[in-house]
C-alpha atoms as a PDB file:
ATOM      1  CA  MET A   1      16.326  11.518  -0.273  1.00  0.00           C
ATOM      2  CA  LYS A   2      17.296  13.834  -3.071  1.00  0.00           C
ATOM      3  CA  GLU A   3      16.551  11.235  -5.753  1.00  0.00           C
ATOM      4  CA  PHE A   4      12.815  11.711  -5.111  1.00  0.00           C
ATOM      5  CA  ILE A   5      12.877  15.456  -5.811  1.00  0.00           C
ATOM      6  CA  ILE A   6      11.947  16.139  -9.427  1.00  0.00           C
ATOM      7  CA  PRO A   7      12.836  19.550 -10.876  1.00  0.00           C
ATOM      8  CA  PHE A   8      10.119  20.021 -13.489  1.00  0.00           C
ATOM      9  CA  PHE A   9      10.856  23.671 -14.313  1.00  0.00           C
ATOM     10  CA  GLY A  10      13.389  22.856 -17.041  1.00  0.00           C
ATOM     11  CA  LEU A  11      11.486  19.944 -18.527  1.00  0.00           C
ATOM     12  CA  LYS A  12       9.943  20.267 -21.973  1.00  0.00           C
ATOM     13  CA  ILE A  13       6.220  19.797 -22.481  1.00  0.00           C
ATOM     14  CA  GLY A  14       5.531  16.097 -22.938  1.00  0.00           C
ATOM     15  CA  LYS A  15       6.105  12.823 -21.110  1.00  0.00           C
ATOM     16  CA  HIS A  16       9.144  12.075 -18.967  1.00  0.00           C
ATOM     17  CA  GLU A  17       9.940   8.777 -17.225  1.00  0.00           C
ATOM     18  CA  PHE A  18      11.551   8.293 -13.809  1.00  0.00           C
ATOM     19  CA  LYS A  19      12.436   5.039 -12.047  1.00  0.00           C
ATOM     20  CA  PHE A  20      12.938   4.529  -8.319  1.00  0.00           C
ATOM     21  CA  LYS A  21      14.174   1.539  -6.327  1.00  0.00           C
ATOM     22  CA  ILE A  22      12.506   1.146  -2.934  1.00  0.00           C
ATOM     23  CA  ASP A  23      13.968  -0.865  -0.044  1.00  0.00           C
ATOM     24  CA  HIS A  24      13.970  -0.879   3.754  1.00  0.00           C
ATOM     25  CA  GLU A  25      15.983   2.374   3.903  1.00  0.00           C
ATOM     26  CA  PHE A  26      13.130   4.216   2.198  1.00  0.00           C
ATOM     27  CA  PHE A  27      10.669   3.184   4.929  1.00  0.00           C
ATOM     28  CA  GLU A  28      13.219   3.913   7.674  1.00  0.00           C
ATOM     29  CA  ALA A  29      13.346   7.517   6.433  1.00  0.00           C
ATOM     30  CA  PHE A  30       9.643   7.748   7.336  1.00  0.00           C
ATOM     31  CA  ASP A  31      10.134   5.978  10.707  1.00  0.00           C
ATOM     32  CA  SER A  32       7.751   3.300   9.512  1.00  0.00           C
ATOM     33  CA  ALA A  33       7.676  -0.306  10.615  1.00  0.00           C
ATOM     34  CA  LEU A  34       4.476  -1.071   8.699  1.00  0.00           C
ATOM     35  CA  ILE A  35       6.345  -2.788   5.882  1.00  0.00           C
ATOM     36  CA  GLU A  36       9.700  -4.479   6.330  1.00  0.00           C
ATOM     37  CA  ASN A  37      12.053  -6.370   4.010  1.00  0.00           C
ATOM     38  CA  VAL A  38      10.556  -4.717   0.958  1.00  0.00           C
ATOM     39  CA  LYS A  39      12.021  -4.523  -2.519  1.00  0.00           C
ATOM     40  CA  ALA A  40      10.025  -2.589  -5.080  1.00  0.00           C
ATOM     41  CA  ASN A  41      10.421  -0.737  -8.332  1.00  0.00           C
ATOM     42  CA  VAL A  42       8.377   2.399  -8.864  1.00  0.00           C
ATOM     43  CA  ASP A  43       7.914   3.820 -12.339  1.00  0.00           C
ATOM     44  CA  LEU A  44       6.727   7.392 -12.712  1.00  0.00           C
ATOM     45  CA  VAL A  45       5.548   8.926 -15.950  1.00  0.00           C
ATOM     46  CA  LEU A  46       5.375  12.694 -15.583  1.00  0.00           C
ATOM     47  CA  GLU A  47       3.395  14.432 -18.287  1.00  0.00           C
ATOM     48  CA  LYS A  48       3.996  18.150 -18.407  1.00  0.00           C
ATOM     49  CA  THR A  49       1.408  20.369 -20.066  1.00  0.00           C
ATOM     50  CA  ALA A  50       1.180  24.145 -20.204  1.00  0.00           C
ATOM     51  CA  THR A  51      -1.245  24.292 -17.272  1.00  0.00           C
ATOM     52  CA  MET A  52      -0.556  21.215 -15.142  1.00  0.00           C
ATOM     53  CA  LEU A  53       1.528  18.142 -14.392  1.00  0.00           C
ATOM     54  CA  ILE A  54       0.121  14.621 -14.533  1.00  0.00           C
ATOM     55  CA  LEU A  55       2.038  12.060 -12.485  1.00  0.00           C
ATOM     56  CA  ASP A  56       1.246   8.407 -13.173  1.00  0.00           C
ATOM     57  CA  PHE A  57       2.823   6.099 -10.565  1.00  0.00           C
ATOM     58  CA  SER A  58       3.040   2.316 -10.834  1.00  0.00           C
ATOM     59  CA  ALA A  59       4.843   0.005  -8.444  1.00  0.00           C
ATOM     60  CA  LYS A  60       5.658  -3.664  -8.368  1.00  0.00           C
ATOM     61  CA  GLY A  61       7.501  -5.428  -5.596  1.00  0.00           C
ATOM     62  CA  SER A  62       7.644  -7.985  -2.842  1.00  0.00           C
ATOM     63  CA  SER A  63       8.128  -8.174   0.895  1.00  0.00           C
ATOM     64  CA  VAL A  64       8.918 -10.996   3.285  1.00  0.00           C
ATOM     65  CA  VAL A  65       6.034 -11.149   5.770  1.00  0.00           C
ATOM     66  CA  PRO A  66       4.653 -13.661   8.264  1.00  0.00           C
ATOM     67  CA  CYS A  67       1.611 -15.609   7.084  1.00  0.00           C
ATOM     68  CA  ASP A  68      -1.558 -14.594   8.963  1.00  0.00           C
ATOM     69  CA  ARG A  69      -2.713 -18.208   8.876  1.00  0.00           C
ATOM     70  CA  CYS A  70       0.341 -20.278   9.898  1.00  0.00           C
ATOM     71  CA  GLY A  71       2.945 -17.737  11.058  1.00  0.00           C
ATOM     72  CA  ASP A  72       5.716 -18.822   8.662  1.00  0.00           C
ATOM     73  CA  ASP A  73       7.510 -16.161   6.622  1.00  0.00           C
ATOM     74  CA  PHE A  74       6.902 -16.013   2.879  1.00  0.00           C
ATOM     75  CA  GLU A  75       7.476 -13.600   0.021  1.00  0.00           C
ATOM     76  CA  LEU A  76       4.359 -11.559  -0.731  1.00  0.00           C
ATOM     77  CA  SER A  77       4.147  -9.862  -4.126  1.00  0.00           C
ATOM     78  CA  PHE A  78       2.192  -6.656  -4.581  1.00  0.00           C
ATOM     79  CA  LYS A  79       1.302  -4.054  -7.179  1.00  0.00           C
ATOM     80  CA  ALA A  80       0.182  -0.473  -6.759  1.00  0.00           C
ATOM     81  CA  GLY A  81      -0.776   2.406  -8.996  1.00  0.00           C
ATOM     82  CA  GLU A  82      -1.944   5.963  -8.658  1.00  0.00           C
ATOM     83  CA  LYS A  83      -2.440   9.121 -10.689  1.00  0.00           C
ATOM     84  CA  LEU A  84      -1.824  12.632  -9.366  1.00  0.00           C
ATOM     85  CA  PHE A  85      -2.763  15.891 -11.060  1.00  0.00           C
ATOM     86  CA  ILE A  86      -0.766  18.943 -10.068  1.00  0.00           C
ATOM     87  CA  LYS A  87      -2.305  22.280 -10.946  1.00  0.00           C
ATOM     88  CA  PHE A  88      -0.721  25.688 -10.621  1.00  0.00           C
ATOM     89  CA  GLY A  89      -2.703  28.325  -8.772  1.00  0.00           C
ATOM     90  CA  ASP A  90      -3.945  29.590  -5.434  1.00  0.00           C
ATOM     91  CA  GLU A  91      -3.813  27.446  -2.314  1.00  0.00           C
ATOM     92  CA  ALA A  92      -7.468  28.341  -1.650  1.00  0.00           C
ATOM     93  CA  TYR A  93      -8.508  25.782  -4.268  1.00  0.00           C
ATOM     94  CA  ASP A  94     -10.067  22.646  -2.777  1.00  0.00           C
ATOM     95  CA  GLN A  95      -7.542  19.844  -3.026  1.00  0.00           C
ATOM     96  CA  THR A  96      -8.532  16.205  -3.255  1.00  0.00           C
ATOM     97  CA  ASP A  97      -6.620  12.934  -2.996  1.00  0.00           C
ATOM     98  CA  ASP A  98      -5.693  13.010  -6.648  1.00  0.00           C
ATOM     99  CA  VAL A  99      -5.463  16.772  -7.258  1.00  0.00           C
ATOM    100  CA  MET A 100      -2.790  18.967  -5.719  1.00  0.00           C
ATOM    101  CA  VAL A 101      -2.392  22.715  -6.191  1.00  0.00           C
ATOM    102  CA  VAL A 102       1.020  24.372  -6.041  1.00  0.00           C
ATOM    103  CA  SER A 103       1.977  28.005  -6.479  1.00  0.00           C
ATOM    104  CA  HIS A 104       3.263  29.288  -9.812  1.00  0.00           C
ATOM    105  CA  ASP A 105       6.765  29.841  -8.423  1.00  0.00           C
ATOM    106  CA  THR A 106       7.226  26.141  -7.498  1.00  0.00           C
ATOM    107  CA  HIS A 107      10.011  24.570  -9.553  1.00  0.00           C
ATOM    108  CA  GLU A 108      10.309  21.068  -8.122  1.00  0.00           C
ATOM    109  CA  ILE A 109       8.226  18.435  -6.400  1.00  0.00           C
ATOM    110  CA  ASP A 110       9.144  15.790  -3.835  1.00  0.00           C
ATOM    111  CA  VAL A 111       7.366  12.524  -4.717  1.00  0.00           C
ATOM    112  CA  SER A 112       8.743  10.457  -1.811  1.00  0.00           C
ATOM    113  CA  HIS A 113       5.758  10.965   0.490  1.00  0.00           C
ATOM    114  CA  ARG A 114       3.328  10.191  -2.328  1.00  0.00           C
ATOM    115  CA  ILE A 115       5.184   6.947  -3.102  1.00  0.00           C
ATOM    116  CA  TYR A 116       5.209   6.046   0.597  1.00  0.00           C
ATOM    117  CA  GLU A 117       1.442   6.570   0.911  1.00  0.00           C
ATOM    118  CA  MET A 118       0.741   4.641  -2.281  1.00  0.00           C
ATOM    119  CA  LEU A 119       2.752   1.625  -1.100  1.00  0.00           C
ATOM    120  CA  ILE A 120       1.330   1.630   2.440  1.00  0.00           C
ATOM    121  CA  LEU A 121      -2.287   2.029   1.324  1.00  0.00           C
ATOM    122  CA  ASN A 122      -2.065  -0.580  -1.440  1.00  0.00           C
ATOM    123  CA  PHE A 123      -0.107  -3.190   0.513  1.00  0.00           C
ATOM    124  CA  PRO A 124      -2.246  -6.330   0.850  1.00  0.00           C
ATOM    125  CA  LYS A 125      -4.178  -6.460   4.130  1.00  0.00           C
ATOM    126  CA  LYS A 126      -4.538 -10.228   4.012  1.00  0.00           C
ATOM    127  CA  ARG A 127      -1.103 -11.779   4.184  1.00  0.00           C
ATOM    128  CA  VAL A 128      -1.434 -15.511   3.640  1.00  0.00           C
ATOM    129  CA  HIS A 129       0.354 -18.058   1.488  1.00  0.00           C
ATOM    130  CA  PRO A 130      -1.209 -18.116  -1.991  1.00  0.00           C
ATOM    131  CA  LYS A 131      -1.965 -21.824  -1.593  1.00  0.00           C
ATOM    132  CA  LEU A 132      -3.037 -23.556   1.618  1.00  0.00           C
ATOM    133  CA  LYS A 133      -0.598 -26.411   0.938  1.00  0.00           C
ATOM    134  CA  ASP A 134       2.301 -23.926   1.282  1.00  0.00           C
ATOM    135  CA  CYS A 135       1.339 -23.184   4.905  1.00  0.00           C
ATOM    136  CA  ASN A 136       2.965 -24.936   7.850  1.00  0.00           C
ATOM    137  CA  SER A 137       1.031 -28.228   8.029  1.00  0.00           C
ATOM    138  CA  LYS A 138       1.404 -28.553  11.830  1.00  0.00           C
ATOM    139  CA  ALA A 139      -0.086 -25.088  12.366  1.00  0.00           C
ATOM    140  CA  ILE A 140      -3.008 -25.856  10.024  1.00  0.00           C
ATOM    141  CA  GLU A 141      -3.687 -29.155  11.835  1.00  0.00           C
ATOM    142  CA  LYS A 142      -3.726 -27.334  15.177  1.00  0.00           C
ATOM    143  CA  LEU A 143      -6.099 -24.656  13.839  1.00  0.00           C
ATOM    144  CA  ASN A 144      -8.442 -27.326  12.473  1.00  0.00           C
ATOM    145  CA  GLU A 145      -8.335 -29.125  15.822  1.00  0.00           C
ATOM    146  CA  ILE A 146      -9.226 -25.928  17.708  1.00  0.00           C
ATOM    147  CA  ASN A 147     -12.049 -25.134  15.256  1.00  0.00           C
ATOM    148  CA  SER A 148     -13.550 -28.614  15.585  1.00  0.00           C
ATOM    149  CA  GLN A 149     -13.423 -28.373  19.405  1.00  0.00           C
ATOM    150  CA  GLU A 150     -15.234 -25.035  19.284  1.00  0.00           C
ATOM    151  CA  GLU A 151     -17.909 -26.445  16.963  1.00  0.00           C
ATOM    152  CA  ASP A 152     -18.420 -29.488  19.206  1.00  0.00           C
ATOM    153  CA  GLY A 153     -18.741 -27.370  22.340  1.00  0.00           C
ATOM    154  CA  ASP A 154     -20.971 -24.806  20.643  1.00  0.00           C
ATOM    155  CA  LYS A 155     -24.181 -25.686  22.482  1.00  0.00           C
ATOM    156  CA  THR A 156     -26.838 -23.055  22.929  1.00  0.00           C
ATOM    157  CA  ASP A 157     -26.911 -21.332  26.297  1.00  0.00           C
ATOM    158  CA  PRO A 158     -30.276 -22.066  28.020  1.00  0.00           C
ATOM    159  CA  ARG A 159     -30.723 -18.357  28.743  1.00  0.00           C
ATOM    160  CA  TRP A 160     -30.893 -17.688  25.009  1.00  0.00           C
ATOM    161  CA  GLU A 161     -33.456 -20.429  24.577  1.00  0.00           C
ATOM    162  CA  ALA A 162     -35.656 -18.684  27.175  1.00  0.00           C
ATOM    163  CA  LEU A 163     -35.305 -15.381  25.285  1.00  0.00           C
ATOM    164  CA  LYS A 164     -36.244 -17.031  21.983  1.00  0.00           C
ATOM    165  CA  LYS A 165     -39.563 -18.112  23.534  1.00  0.00           C
ATOM    166  CA  LEU A 166     -40.467 -14.429  24.023  1.00  0.00           C
ATOM    167  CA  LYS A 167     -40.713 -13.804  20.234  1.00  0.00           C
END
């Protein structure tokens, strides 16, 4: 994955843009099955200053996923963004999620793992059709039927009634 290694040593001070196309092969390189059938575009604006690098990531894409409500596949769109500050100095410096410290003799940076984390962490947790009418109508009818049966049979256990009297 050489395309994700950015040699910043020869870059002039200022802003530089990089574009990456992400697909299933990218996630296979990380042995990840968390996201499949993904197509995304990642834009990176690298701002080089005399003392640090500022990496501004933004991603936009889609993935074919099963609906959590009805089980049918649909195309889920997503967006992600993140900023990373890279400082030059000693490794003893406390690093945070958005600040990374590299030694002064570092000449390039691999952004693939950072892109992977950004996409995984910002991928929507709730994966349902945007509109209920797009869901499989038979599955929704069955879910409603099960819910109504549970509500009808939801009588209070007499043991709980005895405990309520103790209040």
